[in-house]
Amino acid sequence: MYISKEDLDWGIKLLSDMISIATVNPPGKNFDVFARYVSNILNDIGMFVDVVEVPRDVVEGICRECVGYPRYIVVGRAGFGKPVIQFNGHYDVVPAG
């Protein structure tokens, strides 16, 4: 499989931009910034995008120290029908040290 230099450069910039957003968890800073960035990228490449905020009571039930730091799920869809392929990941990092 061949990847053009343009596509490779785009992918490297995308990943570089993603890891430059400090999403340290706990408490979960900048999740809104990251979710907005990813949703814009997915939208730019033609996907239908929904950003869903995780309810505060759910966040509190999982991580009390994370209350006040909203959580988001970014859903991007392309095409219709089957087969369905799901890519799943997370965008938080643990504190340094």
Foldseek 3Di string as FASTA:
>chain_A
DDDDPVRVVVVVVLVVVLVVQAQAPVQGPPQVVNLVSVQVVLVVVPWDKDKDKDDQVVSCVVDVSNRVRIHIDIDTDDDDDDDDDDDDDDRYDHDDD
